Amino acid sequence: MADNDVLANIRTRLENERRILQSDIESLVVENEGQQDDYGVGNHLADDASELFTRERNIALRNNAQDLLAHVESALRRLDEGTYGICARCGKAIAAERLDALPYAIYCITCQSEIEHQR
């Protein structure tokens, strides 16, 4: 696949991304825990709507961060297993440019395009 310096750089990027995502997830959980649960009890309707919107947004952001974290952790496992940079669908090498842009990519650009087209 690539030389040790390139793989070490990729590992560092993925580990940094993992730390950022874990921190983001923790912050969103704490922010949602601090919100009220008594919507409609003596509150103005607009205040309730604003609180509910914030809570729903935080849940969506947390779910997205958890999905990305799973991709990052999977990429780190592939690094450990020696399969990083190999398309999980066709078995060909994933282009270095794609991995540079998306270090947790599991499919080459051709397979990714075909998967998205089938959806």
N, C-alpha and C. Protein backbone atom coordinates (compact mmCIF):
# COMPACT_ATOMS: atom_id res chain seq x y z
N MET A 1 0.85 -1.18 0.00
CA MET A 1 0.00 0.00 0.00
C MET A 1 0.88 1.23 0.00
N ALA A 2 1.22 1.78 1.14
CA ALA A 2 2.03 2.99 1.20
C ALA A 2 3.18 2.78 2.18
N ASP A 3 4.12 3.70 2.14
CA ASP A 3 5.25 3.54 3.05
C ASP A 3 4.84 3.88 4.49
N ASN A 4 5.73 3.56 5.41
CA ASN A 4 5.42 3.70 6.84
C ASN A 4 5.15 5.14 7.25
N ASP A 5 5.84 6.11 6.64
CA ASP A 5 5.61 7.52 6.98
C ASP A 5 4.19 7.96 6.61
N VAL A 6 3.75 7.54 5.44
CA VAL A 6 2.40 7.89 4.98
C VAL A 6 1.36 7.26 5.91
N LEU A 7 1.55 5.98 6.25
CA LEU A 7 0.61 5.30 7.13
C LEU A 7 0.62 5.91 8.53
N ALA A 8 1.78 6.31 9.01
CA ALA A 8 1.86 6.96 10.32
C ALA A 8 1.11 8.29 10.30
N ASN A 9 1.24 9.03 9.22
CA ASN A 9 0.53 10.30 9.08
C ASN A 9 -0.98 10.07 9.05
N ILE A 10 -1.41 9.06 8.32
CA ILE A 10 -2.84 8.73 8.25
C ILE A 10 -3.35 8.33 9.64
N ARG A 11 -2.59 7.50 10.34
CA ARG A 11 -2.98 7.09 11.69
C ARG A 11 -3.14 8.30 12.60
N THR A 12 -2.20 9.24 12.54
CA THR A 12 -2.27 10.44 13.36
C THR A 12 -3.52 11.25 13.04
N ARG A 13 -3.80 11.41 11.74
CA ARG A 13 -5.01 12.15 11.33
C ARG A 13 -6.27 11.47 11.86
N LEU A 14 -6.34 10.14 11.72
CA LEU A 14 -7.52 9.41 12.18
C LEU A 14 -7.66 9.48 13.70
N GLU A 15 -6.56 9.35 14.42
CA GLU A 15 -6.63 9.43 15.89
C GLU A 15 -7.05 10.82 16.35
N ASN A 16 -6.57 11.86 15.66
CA ASN A 16 -7.01 13.23 15.99
C ASN A 16 -8.49 13.40 15.71
N GLU A 17 -8.93 12.88 14.58
CA GLU A 17 -10.36 12.96 14.22
C GLU A 17 -11.21 12.22 15.26
N ARG A 18 -10.72 11.07 15.71
CA ARG A 18 -11.44 10.30 16.72
C ARG A 18 -11.58 11.11 18.01
N ARG A 19 -10.51 11.75 18.45
CA ARG A 19 -10.58 12.57 19.67
C ARG A 19 -11.58 13.72 19.53
N ILE A 20 -11.55 14.38 18.37
CA ILE A 20 -12.47 15.50 18.13
C ILE A 20 -13.92 15.02 18.15
N LEU A 21 -14.18 13.91 17.46
CA LEU A 21 -15.55 13.38 17.42
C LEU A 21 -16.02 12.95 18.80
N GLN A 22 -15.16 12.29 19.57
CA GLN A 22 -15.54 11.87 20.92
C GLN A 22 -15.86 13.10 21.78
N SER A 23 -15.07 14.14 21.66
CA SER A 23 -15.32 15.36 22.41
C SER A 23 -16.64 16.01 21.99
N ASP A 24 -16.87 16.05 20.67
CA ASP A 24 -18.13 16.62 20.17
C ASP A 24 -19.33 15.85 20.69
N ILE A 25 -19.24 14.52 20.68
CA ILE A 25 -20.35 13.69 21.15
C ILE A 25 -20.61 13.96 22.63
N GLU A 26 -19.55 14.00 23.43
CA GLU A 26 -19.71 14.28 24.86
C GLU A 26 -20.34 15.64 25.10
N SER A 27 -19.91 16.66 24.36
CA SER A 27 -20.46 18.01 24.51
C SER A 27 -21.95 18.05 24.17
N LEU A 28 -22.33 17.36 23.10
CA LEU A 28 -23.73 17.35 22.70
C LEU A 28 -24.59 16.62 23.73
N VAL A 29 -24.08 15.56 24.30
CA VAL A 29 -24.82 14.83 25.34
C VAL A 29 -25.03 15.73 26.55
N VAL A 30 -23.97 16.41 26.97
CA VAL A 30 -24.06 17.30 28.14
C VAL A 30 -25.03 18.44 27.86
N GLU A 31 -24.97 19.00 26.65
CA GLU A 31 -25.87 20.11 26.30
C GLU A 31 -27.33 19.66 26.34
N ASN A 32 -27.62 18.46 25.83
CA ASN A 32 -28.99 17.97 25.86
C ASN A 32 -29.45 17.65 27.27
N GLU A 33 -28.55 17.16 28.12
CA GLU A 33 -28.92 16.88 29.50
C GLU A 33 -29.31 18.15 30.24
N GLY A 34 -28.75 19.29 29.84
CA GLY A 34 -29.02 20.56 30.51
C GLY A 34 -30.30 21.22 30.07
N GLN A 35 -30.97 20.66 29.09
CA GLN A 35 -32.21 21.27 28.61
C GLN A 35 -33.40 20.79 29.42
N GLN A 36 -34.43 21.61 29.39
CA GLN A 36 -35.63 21.29 30.15
C GLN A 36 -36.43 20.18 29.50
N ASP A 37 -37.23 19.49 30.32
CA ASP A 37 -38.10 18.44 29.82
C ASP A 37 -39.58 18.77 30.01
N ASP A 38 -39.85 19.92 30.55
CA ASP A 38 -41.24 20.27 30.88
C ASP A 38 -41.84 21.22 29.85
N TYR A 39 -41.79 20.84 28.58
CA TYR A 39 -42.34 21.68 27.53
C TYR A 39 -43.82 21.93 27.79
N GLY A 40 -44.23 23.18 27.61
CA GLY A 40 -45.63 23.54 27.73
C GLY A 40 -46.08 23.85 29.13
N VAL A 41 -45.27 23.63 30.14
CA VAL A 41 -45.66 23.87 31.53
C VAL A 41 -45.24 25.29 31.90
N GLY A 42 -46.12 26.24 31.67
CA GLY A 42 -45.86 27.62 32.05
C GLY A 42 -44.84 28.32 31.18
N ASN A 43 -44.48 27.74 30.06
CA ASN A 43 -43.50 28.35 29.17
C ASN A 43 -44.19 28.97 27.97
N HIS A 44 -43.53 29.91 27.37
CA HIS A 44 -44.03 30.50 26.14
C HIS A 44 -43.83 29.48 25.01
N LEU A 45 -44.77 29.40 24.11
CA LEU A 45 -44.73 28.44 23.01
C LEU A 45 -43.44 28.57 22.20
N ALA A 46 -42.99 29.79 21.95
CA ALA A 46 -41.76 30.01 21.17
C ALA A 46 -40.54 29.48 21.92
N ASP A 47 -40.53 29.63 23.25
CA ASP A 47 -39.41 29.10 24.04
C ASP A 47 -39.37 27.58 23.95
N ASP A 48 -40.54 26.96 24.05
CA ASP A 48 -40.61 25.50 23.93
C ASP A 48 -40.13 25.04 22.56
N ALA A 49 -40.56 25.74 21.51
CA ALA A 49 -40.17 25.37 20.14
C ALA A 49 -38.67 25.50 19.96
N SER A 50 -38.10 26.56 20.51
CA SER A 50 -36.66 26.78 20.40
C SER A 50 -35.89 25.68 21.13
N GLU A 51 -36.33 25.32 22.32
CA GLU A 51 -35.69 24.25 23.10
C GLU A 51 -35.79 22.91 22.36
N LEU A 52 -36.96 22.64 21.83
CA LEU A 52 -37.16 21.38 21.12
C LEU A 52 -36.31 21.32 19.85
N PHE A 53 -36.24 22.43 19.13
CA PHE A 53 -35.40 22.48 17.93
C PHE A 53 -33.94 22.22 18.29
N THR A 54 -33.45 22.85 19.33
CA THR A 54 -32.06 22.68 19.76
C THR A 54 -31.79 21.23 20.14
N ARG A 55 -32.71 20.64 20.88
CA ARG A 55 -32.54 19.24 21.29
C ARG A 55 -32.50 18.31 20.08
N GLU A 56 -33.44 18.49 19.15
CA GLU A 56 -33.48 17.65 17.95
C GLU A 56 -32.23 17.84 17.10
N ARG A 57 -31.77 19.08 16.97
CA ARG A 57 -30.55 19.35 16.21
C ARG A 57 -29.37 18.65 16.85
N ASN A 58 -29.26 18.73 18.18
CA ASN A 58 -28.15 18.09 18.89
C ASN A 58 -28.18 16.58 18.73
N ILE A 59 -29.36 16.01 18.74
CA ILE A 59 -29.48 14.55 18.54
C ILE A 59 -29.00 14.19 17.14
N ALA A 60 -29.39 14.96 16.13
CA ALA A 60 -28.96 14.69 14.75
C ALA A 60 -27.44 14.85 14.62
N LEU A 61 -26.89 15.89 15.22
CA LEU A 61 -25.44 16.11 15.18
C LEU A 61 -24.70 14.98 15.90
N ARG A 62 -25.23 14.54 17.03
CA ARG A 62 -24.59 13.45 17.77
C ARG A 62 -24.63 12.16 16.96
N ASN A 63 -25.77 11.86 16.35
CA ASN A 63 -25.88 10.65 15.52
C ASN A 63 -24.89 10.69 14.36
N ASN A 64 -24.76 11.86 13.72
CA ASN A 64 -23.80 12.00 12.62
C ASN A 64 -22.37 11.81 13.12
N ALA A 65 -22.04 12.40 14.25
CA ALA A 65 -20.70 12.25 14.82
C ALA A 65 -20.43 10.79 15.20
N GLN A 66 -21.42 10.09 15.71
CA GLN A 66 -21.25 8.68 16.06
C GLN A 66 -21.01 7.83 14.80
N ASP A 67 -21.72 8.15 13.72
CA ASP A 67 -21.50 7.43 12.45
C ASP A 67 -20.08 7.67 11.94
N LEU A 68 -19.63 8.93 11.96
CA LEU A 68 -18.28 9.24 11.52
C LEU A 68 -17.24 8.57 12.41
N LEU A 69 -17.50 8.55 13.72
CA LEU A 69 -16.58 7.90 14.65
C LEU A 69 -16.45 6.41 14.32
N ALA A 70 -17.55 5.77 13.98
CA ALA A 70 -17.50 4.35 13.61
C ALA A 70 -16.65 4.15 12.35
N HIS A 71 -16.75 5.06 11.38
CA HIS A 71 -15.93 4.98 10.16
C HIS A 71 -14.45 5.17 10.49
N VAL A 72 -14.16 6.12 11.37
CA VAL A 72 -12.77 6.38 11.76
C VAL A 72 -12.19 5.18 12.48
N GLU A 73 -12.94 4.62 13.41
CA GLU A 73 -12.45 3.45 14.15
C GLU A 73 -12.26 2.25 13.23
N SER A 74 -13.13 2.10 12.25
CA SER A 74 -12.99 1.03 11.27
C SER A 74 -11.71 1.22 10.45
N ALA A 75 -11.42 2.45 10.06
CA ALA A 75 -10.20 2.74 9.31
C ALA A 75 -8.96 2.42 10.15
N LEU A 76 -9.01 2.74 11.44
CA LEU A 76 -7.88 2.42 12.32
C LEU A 76 -7.69 0.91 12.43
N ARG A 77 -8.79 0.16 12.49
CA ARG A 77 -8.69 -1.31 12.52
C ARG A 77 -8.06 -1.83 11.22
N ARG A 78 -8.48 -1.26 10.09
CA ARG A 78 -7.91 -1.69 8.81
C ARG A 78 -6.42 -1.38 8.74
N LEU A 79 -6.01 -0.26 9.33
CA LEU A 79 -4.58 0.04 9.40
C LEU A 79 -3.85 -1.05 10.19
N ASP A 80 -4.44 -1.44 11.33
CA ASP A 80 -3.83 -2.48 12.17
C ASP A 80 -3.77 -3.82 11.45
N GLU A 81 -4.79 -4.11 10.65
CA GLU A 81 -4.89 -5.40 9.96
C GLU A 81 -4.10 -5.43 8.65
N GLY A 82 -3.64 -4.26 8.20
CA GLY A 82 -2.91 -4.20 6.95
C GLY A 82 -3.78 -4.16 5.72
N THR A 83 -5.08 -3.87 5.89
CA THR A 83 -6.01 -3.83 4.75
C THR A 83 -6.44 -2.40 4.41
N TYR A 84 -5.83 -1.42 5.06
CA TYR A 84 -6.19 -0.03 4.81
C TYR A 84 -5.86 0.34 3.37
N GLY A 85 -6.77 1.07 2.73
CA GLY A 85 -6.53 1.54 1.37
C GLY A 85 -6.94 0.55 0.30
N ILE A 86 -7.56 -0.55 0.70
CA ILE A 86 -8.05 -1.55 -0.24
C ILE A 86 -9.58 -1.48 -0.24
N CYS A 87 -10.16 -1.35 -1.42
CA CYS A 87 -11.61 -1.24 -1.55
C CYS A 87 -12.28 -2.50 -1.00
N ALA A 88 -13.27 -2.31 -0.14
CA ALA A 88 -13.98 -3.43 0.48
C ALA A 88 -14.91 -4.13 -0.52
N ARG A 89 -15.13 -3.51 -1.65
CA ARG A 89 -16.06 -4.09 -2.64
C ARG A 89 -15.33 -4.81 -3.76
N CYS A 90 -14.34 -4.15 -4.36
CA CYS A 90 -13.68 -4.74 -5.54
C CYS A 90 -12.27 -5.26 -5.23
N GLY A 91 -11.70 -4.86 -4.09
CA GLY A 91 -10.38 -5.33 -3.71
C GLY A 91 -9.22 -4.58 -4.34
N LYS A 92 -9.51 -3.55 -5.11
CA LYS A 92 -8.45 -2.74 -5.72
C LYS A 92 -8.02 -1.64 -4.75
N ALA A 93 -6.87 -1.06 -5.03
CA ALA A 93 -6.36 0.03 -4.19
C ALA A 93 -7.25 1.26 -4.34
N ILE A 94 -7.49 1.93 -3.22
CA ILE A 94 -8.20 3.21 -3.23
C ILE A 94 -7.17 4.28 -3.55
N ALA A 95 -7.51 5.20 -4.44
CA ALA A 95 -6.58 6.25 -4.87
C ALA A 95 -6.11 7.07 -3.67
N ALA A 96 -4.82 7.40 -3.68
CA ALA A 96 -4.22 8.18 -2.60
C ALA A 96 -4.93 9.52 -2.42
N GLU A 97 -5.36 10.12 -3.52
CA GLU A 97 -6.07 11.41 -3.44
C GLU A 97 -7.38 11.26 -2.66
N ARG A 98 -8.07 10.15 -2.90
CA ARG A 98 -9.34 9.90 -2.19
C ARG A 98 -9.07 9.70 -0.71
N LEU A 99 -8.05 8.92 -0.38
CA LEU A 99 -7.72 8.69 1.03
C LEU A 99 -7.23 9.95 1.71
N ASP A 100 -6.58 10.82 0.95
CA ASP A 100 -6.13 12.09 1.52
C ASP A 100 -7.34 12.96 1.87
N ALA A 101 -8.33 12.96 0.98
CA ALA A 101 -9.54 13.76 1.21
C ALA A 101 -10.47 13.13 2.23
N LEU A 102 -10.52 11.80 2.24
CA LEU A 102 -11.45 11.06 3.10
C LEU A 102 -10.70 9.86 3.66
N PRO A 103 -9.90 10.05 4.72
CA PRO A 103 -9.01 8.98 5.18
C PRO A 103 -9.72 7.73 5.69
N TYR A 104 -11.03 7.80 5.90
CA TYR A 104 -11.76 6.63 6.37
C TYR A 104 -12.60 5.99 5.26
N ALA A 105 -12.29 6.33 4.01
CA ALA A 105 -13.01 5.74 2.87
C ALA A 105 -12.80 4.23 2.85
N ILE A 106 -13.88 3.50 2.56
CA ILE A 106 -13.76 2.04 2.48
C ILE A 106 -13.92 1.55 1.05
N TYR A 107 -14.38 2.43 0.16
CA TYR A 107 -14.57 2.05 -1.24
C TYR A 107 -13.76 2.96 -2.15
N CYS A 108 -13.32 2.41 -3.27
CA CYS A 108 -12.70 3.25 -4.30
C CYS A 108 -13.79 4.15 -4.88
N ILE A 109 -13.41 5.16 -5.61
CA ILE A 109 -14.38 6.11 -6.13
C ILE A 109 -15.36 5.45 -7.11
N THR A 110 -14.90 4.48 -7.87
CA THR A 110 -15.79 3.78 -8.82
C THR A 110 -16.87 3.02 -8.07
N CYS A 111 -16.47 2.24 -7.08
CA CYS A 111 -17.45 1.46 -6.31
C CYS A 111 -18.38 2.38 -5.53
N GLN A 112 -17.84 3.46 -4.95
CA GLN A 112 -18.68 4.40 -4.20
C GLN A 112 -19.74 5.00 -5.12
N SER A 113 -19.35 5.37 -6.33
CA SER A 113 -20.30 5.93 -7.29
C SER A 113 -21.37 4.92 -7.64
N GLU A 114 -20.99 3.66 -7.85
CA GLU A 114 -21.96 2.62 -8.18
C GLU A 114 -22.92 2.38 -7.02
N ILE A 115 -22.42 2.39 -5.80
CA ILE A 115 -23.27 2.19 -4.62
C ILE A 115 -24.28 3.33 -4.51
N GLU A 116 -23.81 4.56 -4.68
CA GLU A 116 -24.72 5.71 -4.58
C GLU A 116 -25.72 5.71 -5.71
N HIS A 117 -25.33 5.27 -6.89
CA HIS A 117 -26.24 5.21 -8.03
C HIS A 117 -27.35 4.18 -7.79
N GLN A 118 -27.04 3.09 -7.07
CA GLN A 118 -28.02 2.04 -6.82
C GLN A 118 -29.05 2.46 -5.76
N ARG A 119 -28.73 3.46 -4.97
CA ARG A 119 -29.66 3.89 -3.91
C ARG A 119 -30.83 4.58 -4.45
